[in-house]
Amino acid sequence: MCGIDWAESHHDIAIVDENGDLVAKRRIPESVEGFQELLAMLAEAGDSDEDPIPVAIETPRGLLVAALRATGRKIYPINPMAVARYRERYSASGKKSDHADAVVLANILRTDRHVHRPMPDDTELTRSIKVLARACQDATWRRTRAQNELRSLLREYYPAMLQAAANRSGNLATPLTRELLKLAPTPADALKVTKARIAAALRRAGRLRHIEDVAAELHTILSRPHLRHDPMVEQAMGVQALRLLATLATECASIDELSTATAGAFRQHPDYEIITSFPGIADQAGARLLAEIGDDRTRFADARALKAFAGAAPVTRASGRSRIVTHRRIKNDRLAAVGFTWGLSALNQSPGARAHYDRRRTTGDGHAAAFRNLFNRFLGCLHHCLQEQQRYDETTAFPPTPA
């Protein structure tokens, strides 16, 4: 068994035999030469194409992991918190070293390999979709954070701009609001702006109809008297708002480009038709689902394993006479986030999903619990459809209740 304690510029390698005896150890650099040293160590320890030595490492990402994956061996990414607990089995003093951690990782595979999951054998296309989908999701979260920061700042010095945004859509990330804030970043600028300039901003934002009416409406809102800061303080806040606006605009552009790239890659996947046949699943949500689930059909033993991975299945905590069934907190957060948006969309597109959700609410479930149960139901259907390579069928997923 091989354990690798990775770092930025070098990696500590330890290989142990079935008895836990140290066979070889070395520190290798993060380079082609270092990787060749690692392969030579593994070959000397008995590595072969028919029986490759498995590797334990604390991360599923990086060039070293990619190079090891290309050799066809099993790679076990071990949670660093789990490694810390295993470390206590070998040393009660609390001492720590990179070499000792590599030995601990190797011994984890020697003793408990059966309880740890290897990296899934996803295709290259699926791994590329995962990169794009996660990048798009990260950009979406950054956009939300920038929007919230900008909204908080505008509340402090510029309520008229918030009223103008609320009067149209309430979303500060829309092109209209961004163009309007760029035109008048402070209340002082808002008092000087004309209807003609507002109309021009509307056209730049893509507005095509009723431009003069909307410009007059926004001009009236921005011209209303409000409480004001001192001029220099107000000006400073305007500069800050423009910087936050630039960040927001960057993230909006990133989302547009990443969404296009993600959808283009997802449409090339063989599972595209199956995943998008589900109600409430379009290109972006489908790509995120595929990115987190993968296309390795052996990754999840059954639908229950997938539901637990997504956090849709409840967890039971029992001790003595106490028994509590609650929702899972340890889960794939990205997949759980997809489940929430999936449920919202499916309620409007699937009569069966709406009836299932309403039935759960009438039995005492709160909104979040009913949504998790609906997500749980959909995941079971998705697992079956992917295994059997068939499209979603509403009557099978939600059979009609006998009268």
Protein backbone atom coordinates (compact mmCIF):
# COMPACT_ATOMS: atom_id res chain seq x y z
CA MET A 1 0.00 0.00 0.00
CA CYS A 2 1.25 3.49 -0.86
CA GLY A 3 0.57 6.68 1.06
CA ILE A 4 1.37 10.16 -0.25
CA ASP A 5 1.52 13.26 1.93
CA TRP A 6 1.26 15.96 -0.71
CA ALA A 7 2.49 19.55 -0.58
CA GLU A 8 2.90 22.40 -3.06
CA SER A 9 6.46 21.72 -4.20
CA HIS A 10 7.20 18.19 -2.95
CA HIS A 11 5.49 14.99 -1.79
CA ASP A 12 6.45 12.41 0.85
CA ILE A 13 5.98 8.79 -0.24
CA ALA A 14 5.67 5.73 2.00
CA ILE A 15 5.04 2.13 0.92
CA VAL A 16 4.14 -0.56 3.46
CA ASP A 17 3.57 -4.30 3.08
CA GLU A 18 0.68 -6.41 4.35
CA ASN A 19 2.20 -6.56 7.83
CA GLY A 20 2.61 -2.80 8.10
CA ASP A 21 6.39 -2.87 7.68
CA LEU A 22 7.88 0.07 5.83
CA VAL A 23 9.12 -1.05 2.42
CA ALA A 24 10.28 2.28 0.98
CA LYS A 25 10.10 5.98 1.65
CA ARG A 26 11.20 9.04 -0.30
CA ARG A 27 10.49 12.71 -0.86
CA ILE A 28 9.90 13.55 -4.50
CA PRO A 29 9.55 16.93 -6.22
CA GLU A 30 6.42 18.08 -8.08
CA SER A 31 7.85 17.36 -11.53
CA VAL A 32 8.05 14.76 -14.26
CA GLU A 33 11.29 13.46 -12.76
CA GLY A 34 9.65 13.15 -9.36
CA PHE A 35 6.75 11.19 -10.81
CA GLN A 36 9.16 8.84 -12.52
CA GLU A 37 10.84 8.27 -9.14
CA LEU A 38 7.47 7.38 -7.68
CA LEU A 39 6.75 4.88 -10.46
CA ALA A 40 10.18 3.32 -9.94
CA MET A 41 9.48 2.96 -6.19
CA LEU A 42 6.16 1.28 -6.90
CA ALA A 43 7.75 -1.07 -9.45
CA GLU A 44 10.43 -2.13 -6.95
CA ALA A 45 7.65 -2.84 -4.42
CA GLY A 46 5.93 -5.24 -6.82
CA ASP A 47 3.67 -2.95 -8.82
CA SER A 48 2.39 -4.36 -12.11
CA ASP A 49 -0.29 -3.69 -14.72
CA GLU A 50 -2.24 -6.72 -13.53
CA ASP A 51 -2.01 -5.82 -9.83
CA PRO A 52 -1.26 -2.08 -9.39
CA ILE A 53 -0.51 -0.82 -5.89
CA PRO A 54 -3.34 1.40 -4.60
CA VAL A 55 -2.52 4.91 -3.41
CA ALA A 56 -3.98 6.96 -0.55
CA ILE A 57 -3.70 10.75 -0.68
CA GLU A 58 -5.50 13.61 1.07
CA THR A 59 -6.80 15.31 -2.08
CA PRO A 60 -8.71 14.25 -5.22
CA ARG A 61 -7.22 17.07 -7.30
CA GLY A 62 -3.88 18.17 -8.70
CA LEU A 63 -1.37 17.13 -11.36
CA LEU A 64 0.03 14.26 -9.29
CA VAL A 65 -3.43 12.74 -8.88
CA ALA A 66 -4.12 13.17 -12.60
CA ALA A 67 -0.85 11.44 -13.49
CA LEU A 68 -1.56 8.58 -11.06
CA ARG A 69 -5.07 8.19 -12.46
CA ALA A 70 -3.61 7.81 -15.95
CA THR A 71 -1.71 4.71 -14.75
CA GLY A 72 -5.03 2.95 -14.08
CA ARG A 73 -4.51 2.32 -10.37
CA LYS A 74 -7.03 2.86 -7.59
CA ILE A 75 -6.65 6.21 -5.84
CA TYR A 76 -8.25 6.75 -2.45
CA PRO A 77 -8.73 10.41 -1.45
CA ILE A 78 -8.84 10.40 2.36
CA ASN A 79 -10.40 13.29 4.27
CA PRO A 80 -7.66 15.15 6.22
CA MET A 81 -9.87 15.11 9.33
CA ALA A 82 -10.04 11.32 9.11
CA VAL A 83 -6.26 11.16 8.72
CA ALA A 84 -5.89 13.23 11.90
CA ARG A 85 -8.01 10.68 13.80
CA TYR A 86 -6.00 7.77 12.37
CA ARG A 87 -2.79 9.53 13.39
CA GLU A 88 -3.82 9.29 17.03
CA ARG A 89 -3.81 5.49 16.73
CA TYR A 90 -0.08 5.54 16.06
CA SER A 91 1.07 8.34 18.37
CA ALA A 92 -0.43 9.56 21.63
CA SER A 93 2.11 12.35 22.01
CA GLY A 94 0.63 14.45 19.23
CA LYS A 95 3.83 14.53 17.18
CA LYS A 96 3.51 15.00 13.44
CA SER A 97 5.73 14.86 10.37
CA ASP A 98 5.16 14.61 6.64
CA HIS A 99 6.79 11.17 6.47
CA ALA A 100 4.69 9.89 9.38
CA ASP A 101 1.53 11.13 7.68
CA ALA A 102 2.48 9.23 4.51
CA VAL A 103 2.89 6.08 6.60
CA VAL A 104 -0.50 6.67 8.24
CA LEU A 105 -2.13 7.02 4.81
CA ALA A 106 -0.56 3.77 3.61
CA ASN A 107 -1.74 1.95 6.75
CA ILE A 108 -5.27 3.29 6.28
CA LEU A 109 -5.45 1.28 3.05
CA ARG A 110 -3.82 -1.72 4.70
CA THR A 111 -6.37 -1.94 7.53
CA ASP A 112 -9.51 -0.10 6.37
CA ARG A 113 -9.41 -0.03 2.61
CA HIS A 114 -12.88 -1.61 2.42
CA VAL A 115 -14.54 1.37 4.16
CA HIS A 116 -13.02 4.06 1.91
CA ARG A 117 -14.12 4.86 -1.62
CA PRO A 118 -11.69 5.07 -4.52
CA MET A 119 -11.98 7.90 -6.99
CA PRO A 120 -14.75 7.14 -9.51
CA ASP A 121 -13.72 6.04 -12.97
CA ASP A 122 -15.48 8.87 -14.80
CA THR A 123 -14.88 9.55 -18.46
CA GLU A 124 -12.75 12.45 -19.64
CA LEU A 125 -15.85 14.28 -20.91
CA THR A 126 -17.54 14.00 -17.52
CA ARG A 127 -14.46 15.29 -15.73
CA SER A 128 -14.35 18.29 -18.08
CA ILE A 129 -18.05 18.96 -17.44
CA LYS A 130 -17.31 18.82 -13.70
CA VAL A 131 -14.65 21.53 -14.04
CA LEU A 132 -16.95 23.81 -16.04
CA ALA A 133 -20.09 23.20 -13.96
CA ARG A 134 -18.30 23.83 -10.68
CA ALA A 135 -16.65 26.97 -12.06
CA CYS A 136 -20.06 28.25 -13.17
CA GLN A 137 -21.58 27.45 -9.78
CA ASP A 138 -18.70 29.20 -8.00
CA ALA A 139 -19.18 32.26 -10.20
CA THR A 140 -22.89 32.25 -9.35
CA TRP A 141 -22.11 32.18 -5.64
CA ARG A 142 -19.57 35.00 -6.08
CA ARG A 143 -22.17 37.04 -7.98
CA THR A 144 -24.64 36.58 -5.15
CA ARG A 145 -22.02 37.65 -2.61
CA ALA A 146 -21.09 40.75 -4.65
CA GLN A 147 -24.76 41.62 -5.12
CA ASN A 148 -25.42 41.35 -1.39
CA GLU A 149 -22.40 43.54 -0.58
CA LEU A 150 -23.55 46.15 -3.07
CA ARG A 151 -27.10 46.09 -1.72
CA SER A 152 -25.81 46.54 1.83
CA LEU A 153 -23.70 49.53 0.76
CA LEU A 154 -26.56 51.17 -1.16
CA ARG A 155 -28.80 50.89 1.90
CA GLU A 156 -26.27 53.02 3.78
CA TYR A 157 -26.16 55.96 1.40
CA TYR A 158 -28.36 55.54 -1.70
CA PRO A 159 -31.93 54.27 -1.00
CA ALA A 160 -33.19 55.83 -4.23
CA MET A 161 -31.15 53.39 -6.31
CA LEU A 162 -32.57 50.46 -4.37
CA GLN A 163 -36.07 51.81 -4.98
CA ALA A 164 -35.33 52.16 -8.69
CA ALA A 165 -34.07 48.56 -8.83
CA ALA A 166 -37.06 47.28 -6.84
CA ASN A 167 -39.43 49.14 -9.15
CA ARG A 168 -38.15 47.13 -12.14
CA SER A 169 -37.00 43.68 -10.93
CA GLY A 170 -35.31 44.07 -7.56
CA ASN A 171 -32.19 42.40 -8.90
CA LEU A 172 -29.01 44.48 -8.78
CA ALA A 173 -27.32 42.13 -11.26
CA THR A 174 -29.62 43.03 -14.16
CA PRO A 175 -28.05 45.05 -17.00
CA LEU A 176 -30.56 47.87 -16.39
CA THR A 177 -29.63 48.38 -12.74
CA ARG A 178 -25.91 48.12 -13.49
CA GLU A 179 -26.13 50.72 -16.25
CA LEU A 180 -28.18 53.02 -14.02
CA LEU A 181 -25.73 52.80 -11.13
CA LYS A 182 -22.83 53.40 -13.49
CA LEU A 183 -24.61 56.52 -14.77
CA ALA A 184 -25.38 57.90 -11.28
CA PRO A 185 -23.21 56.30 -8.56
CA THR A 186 -24.24 58.85 -5.88
CA PRO A 187 -27.44 60.73 -4.94
CA ALA A 188 -25.72 63.95 -6.06
CA ASP A 189 -25.19 62.46 -9.53
CA ALA A 190 -28.79 61.23 -9.58
CA LEU A 191 -30.10 64.79 -9.14
CA LYS A 192 -28.13 65.91 -12.19
CA VAL A 193 -29.01 63.06 -14.53
CA THR A 194 -31.58 63.75 -17.26
CA LYS A 195 -34.34 61.62 -18.72
CA ALA A 196 -32.43 61.46 -22.01
CA ARG A 197 -29.36 59.96 -20.33
CA ILE A 198 -31.52 57.46 -18.47
CA ALA A 199 -33.17 56.51 -21.78
CA ALA A 200 -29.73 55.99 -23.30
CA ALA A 201 -28.79 53.75 -20.37
CA LEU A 202 -31.95 51.74 -20.94
CA ARG A 203 -31.00 51.18 -24.56
CA ARG A 204 -27.48 50.09 -23.58
CA ALA A 205 -29.08 47.60 -21.20
CA GLY A 206 -31.08 46.11 -24.06
CA ARG A 207 -34.45 47.74 -23.41
CA LEU A 208 -36.56 47.91 -26.59
CA ARG A 209 -40.07 48.99 -25.56
CA HIS A 210 -41.59 51.87 -23.56
CA ILE A 211 -38.17 53.45 -23.08
CA GLU A 212 -39.42 57.01 -22.57
CA ASP A 213 -42.05 55.94 -20.04
CA VAL A 214 -39.59 53.87 -18.02
CA ALA A 215 -37.00 56.67 -18.16
CA ALA A 216 -39.52 59.16 -16.77
CA GLU A 217 -40.49 56.71 -14.03
CA LEU A 218 -36.88 56.14 -12.98
CA HIS A 219 -36.11 59.86 -13.16
CA THR A 220 -38.95 60.56 -10.74
CA ILE A 221 -37.64 57.94 -8.27
CA LEU A 222 -34.06 59.22 -8.39
CA SER A 223 -35.17 62.83 -7.96
CA ARG A 224 -37.07 62.29 -4.72
CA PRO A 225 -35.53 63.81 -1.59
CA HIS A 226 -33.74 61.43 0.79
CA LEU A 227 -31.49 61.64 3.81
CA ARG A 228 -27.91 62.28 2.73
CA HIS A 229 -24.36 61.84 4.00
CA ASP A 230 -21.82 64.66 3.90
CA PRO A 231 -20.68 65.26 0.30
CA MET A 232 -17.16 63.83 0.69
CA VAL A 233 -18.43 60.75 2.51
CA GLU A 234 -21.10 60.25 -0.13
CA GLN A 235 -18.52 60.55 -2.87
CA ALA A 236 -16.28 57.98 -1.20
CA MET A 237 -19.18 55.55 -0.95
CA GLY A 238 -19.89 56.11 -4.64
CA VAL A 239 -16.33 55.08 -5.49
CA GLN A 240 -16.75 51.95 -3.38
CA ALA A 241 -20.05 51.17 -5.10
CA LEU A 242 -18.45 51.42 -8.54
CA ARG A 243 -15.75 48.94 -7.51
CA LEU A 244 -18.35 46.51 -6.24
CA LEU A 245 -20.28 47.07 -9.44
CA ALA A 246 -17.19 46.16 -11.47
CA THR A 247 -16.85 42.92 -9.51
CA LEU A 248 -20.53 42.16 -10.06
CA ALA A 249 -20.26 42.84 -13.79
CA THR A 250 -17.21 40.55 -14.05
CA GLU A 251 -19.04 37.69 -12.37
CA CYS A 252 -22.10 38.21 -14.57
CA ALA A 253 -19.90 37.95 -17.66
CA SER A 254 -18.14 34.89 -16.23
CA ILE A 255 -21.46 33.16 -15.63
CA ASP A 256 -22.61 33.83 -19.20
CA GLU A 257 -19.41 32.41 -20.72
CA LEU A 258 -19.14 29.44 -18.36
CA SER A 259 -22.83 28.59 -18.80
CA THR A 260 -22.38 28.44 -22.58
CA ALA A 261 -19.29 26.25 -22.28
CA THR A 262 -20.94 23.97 -19.71
CA ALA A 263 -24.09 23.48 -21.76
CA GLY A 264 -22.05 22.78 -24.90
CA ALA A 265 -20.02 20.06 -23.18
CA PHE A 266 -23.07 18.57 -21.44
CA ARG A 267 -24.98 18.18 -24.72
CA GLN A 268 -22.20 15.91 -26.01
CA HIS A 269 -22.64 13.41 -23.16
CA PRO A 270 -24.60 10.19 -23.78
CA ASP A 271 -26.63 10.75 -20.59
CA TYR A 272 -27.85 14.18 -21.72
CA GLU A 273 -31.20 12.97 -23.03
CA ILE A 274 -31.91 10.92 -19.91
CA ILE A 275 -31.06 13.62 -17.39
CA THR A 276 -32.89 16.43 -19.20
CA SER A 277 -36.00 14.25 -19.59
CA PHE A 278 -36.72 14.90 -15.90
CA PRO A 279 -39.08 17.80 -15.12
CA GLY A 280 -37.28 20.88 -13.87
CA ILE A 281 -33.89 19.86 -15.32
CA ALA A 282 -32.39 21.96 -18.09
CA ASP A 283 -28.80 22.23 -19.32
CA GLN A 284 -27.25 23.96 -16.30
CA ALA A 285 -28.91 21.89 -13.57
CA GLY A 286 -28.37 18.73 -15.58
CA ALA A 287 -24.68 19.47 -16.04
CA ARG A 288 -24.28 20.05 -12.31
CA LEU A 289 -26.06 16.79 -11.57
CA LEU A 290 -23.81 14.86 -13.93
CA ALA A 291 -20.72 16.65 -12.60
CA GLU A 292 -21.36 15.53 -9.03
CA ILE A 293 -22.80 12.06 -9.75
CA GLY A 294 -20.41 11.15 -12.57
CA ASP A 295 -20.93 8.43 -15.16
CA ASP A 296 -19.16 5.59 -13.34
CA ARG A 297 -22.11 3.22 -12.84
CA THR A 298 -20.27 1.31 -10.09
CA ARG A 299 -19.76 4.39 -7.93
CA PHE A 300 -23.05 3.97 -6.04
CA ALA A 301 -24.08 0.48 -5.04
CA ASP A 302 -27.75 1.42 -5.10
CA ALA A 303 -30.10 4.39 -5.03
CA ARG A 304 -29.80 4.64 -1.23
CA ALA A 305 -26.08 5.36 -1.55
CA LEU A 306 -26.76 8.16 -4.03
CA LYS A 307 -29.46 9.66 -1.79
CA ALA A 308 -27.10 9.64 1.20
CA PHE A 309 -24.34 11.24 -0.90
CA ALA A 310 -26.72 14.05 -1.91
CA GLY A 311 -28.03 14.57 1.63
CA ALA A 312 -31.60 13.72 0.60
CA ALA A 313 -31.86 10.62 2.81
CA PRO A 314 -32.38 11.16 6.56
CA VAL A 315 -29.89 9.93 9.16
CA THR A 316 -30.76 8.16 12.41
CA ARG A 317 -28.97 8.90 15.70
CA ALA A 318 -29.80 6.22 18.28
CA SER A 319 -28.29 5.75 21.73
CA GLY A 320 -30.02 3.94 24.54
CA ARG A 321 -33.63 5.05 24.65
CA SER A 322 -32.94 8.07 22.47
CA ARG A 323 -33.67 7.78 18.76
CA ILE A 324 -33.68 10.83 16.50
CA VAL A 325 -34.21 10.89 12.74
CA THR A 326 -32.93 14.12 11.19
CA HIS A 327 -31.53 15.50 7.94
CA ARG A 328 -27.92 14.95 6.93
CA ARG A 329 -25.42 17.73 7.47
CA ILE A 330 -22.47 15.86 5.93
CA LYS A 331 -23.25 15.70 2.22
CA ASN A 332 -22.25 16.94 -1.19
CA ASP A 333 -23.29 20.58 -0.83
CA ARG A 334 -23.17 21.25 -4.57
CA LEU A 335 -25.51 18.36 -5.32
CA ALA A 336 -27.82 19.41 -2.49
CA ALA A 337 -27.97 22.94 -3.96
CA VAL A 338 -29.06 21.47 -7.30
CA GLY A 339 -31.79 19.56 -5.49
CA PHE A 340 -33.31 22.77 -4.15
CA THR A 341 -33.55 24.46 -7.56
CA TRP A 342 -34.69 21.19 -9.12
CA GLY A 343 -37.57 20.95 -6.67
CA LEU A 344 -38.67 24.54 -7.30
CA SER A 345 -38.80 24.01 -11.05
CA ALA A 346 -40.41 20.57 -10.86
CA LEU A 347 -43.32 21.84 -8.76
CA ASN A 348 -44.49 23.90 -11.75
CA GLN A 349 -43.82 21.24 -14.40
CA SER A 350 -44.71 17.92 -12.79
CA PRO A 351 -48.21 17.23 -11.40
CA GLY A 352 -46.82 14.21 -9.59
CA ALA A 353 -44.10 16.28 -7.91
CA ARG A 354 -46.64 18.92 -6.85
CA ALA A 355 -48.97 16.27 -5.40
CA HIS A 356 -46.07 14.58 -3.59
CA TYR A 357 -44.88 17.87 -2.09
CA ASP A 358 -48.40 18.87 -1.00
CA ARG A 359 -48.96 15.46 0.56
CA ARG A 360 -45.75 15.74 2.59
CA ARG A 361 -46.77 19.20 3.80
CA THR A 362 -50.16 17.96 4.95
CA THR A 363 -48.51 15.17 6.96
CA GLY A 364 -46.51 17.71 8.97
CA ASP A 365 -43.28 18.23 6.99
CA GLY A 366 -41.93 21.75 6.75
CA HIS A 367 -41.00 23.28 3.42
CA ALA A 368 -37.35 22.17 3.56
CA ALA A 369 -38.21 18.64 4.70
CA ALA A 370 -40.82 18.24 1.95
CA PHE A 371 -38.30 19.46 -0.62
CA ARG A 372 -35.67 16.98 0.58
CA ASN A 373 -38.20 14.17 0.34
CA LEU A 374 -39.11 15.21 -3.19
CA PHE A 375 -35.41 15.35 -4.10
CA ASN A 376 -35.02 11.90 -2.55
CA ARG A 377 -37.79 10.57 -4.78
CA PHE A 378 -36.30 12.10 -7.92
CA LEU A 379 -32.83 10.73 -7.12
CA GLY A 380 -34.22 7.22 -6.89
CA CYS A 381 -35.83 7.66 -10.30
CA LEU A 382 -32.62 9.16 -11.72
CA HIS A 383 -30.48 6.30 -10.45
CA HIS A 384 -32.84 3.76 -12.03
CA CYS A 385 -33.02 5.61 -15.35
CA LEU A 386 -29.25 5.92 -15.62
CA GLN A 387 -28.70 2.28 -14.76
CA GLU A 388 -31.33 1.10 -17.25
CA GLN A 389 -30.55 3.80 -19.84
CA GLN A 390 -34.16 4.94 -20.15
CA ARG A 391 -35.90 8.30 -20.06
CA TYR A 392 -38.03 9.62 -17.22
CA ASP A 393 -41.68 8.55 -17.14
CA GLU A 394 -44.06 10.59 -15.00
CA THR A 395 -46.61 7.79 -14.53
CA THR A 396 -43.93 5.41 -13.27
CA ALA A 397 -42.29 7.96 -10.98
CA PHE A 398 -45.57 9.14 -9.45
CA PRO A 399 -48.21 6.47 -10.06
CA PRO A 400 -51.80 7.70 -9.65
CA THR A 401 -53.34 7.10 -6.24
CA PRO A 402 -56.23 4.60 -6.35
CA ALA A 403 -59.59 6.25 -5.76
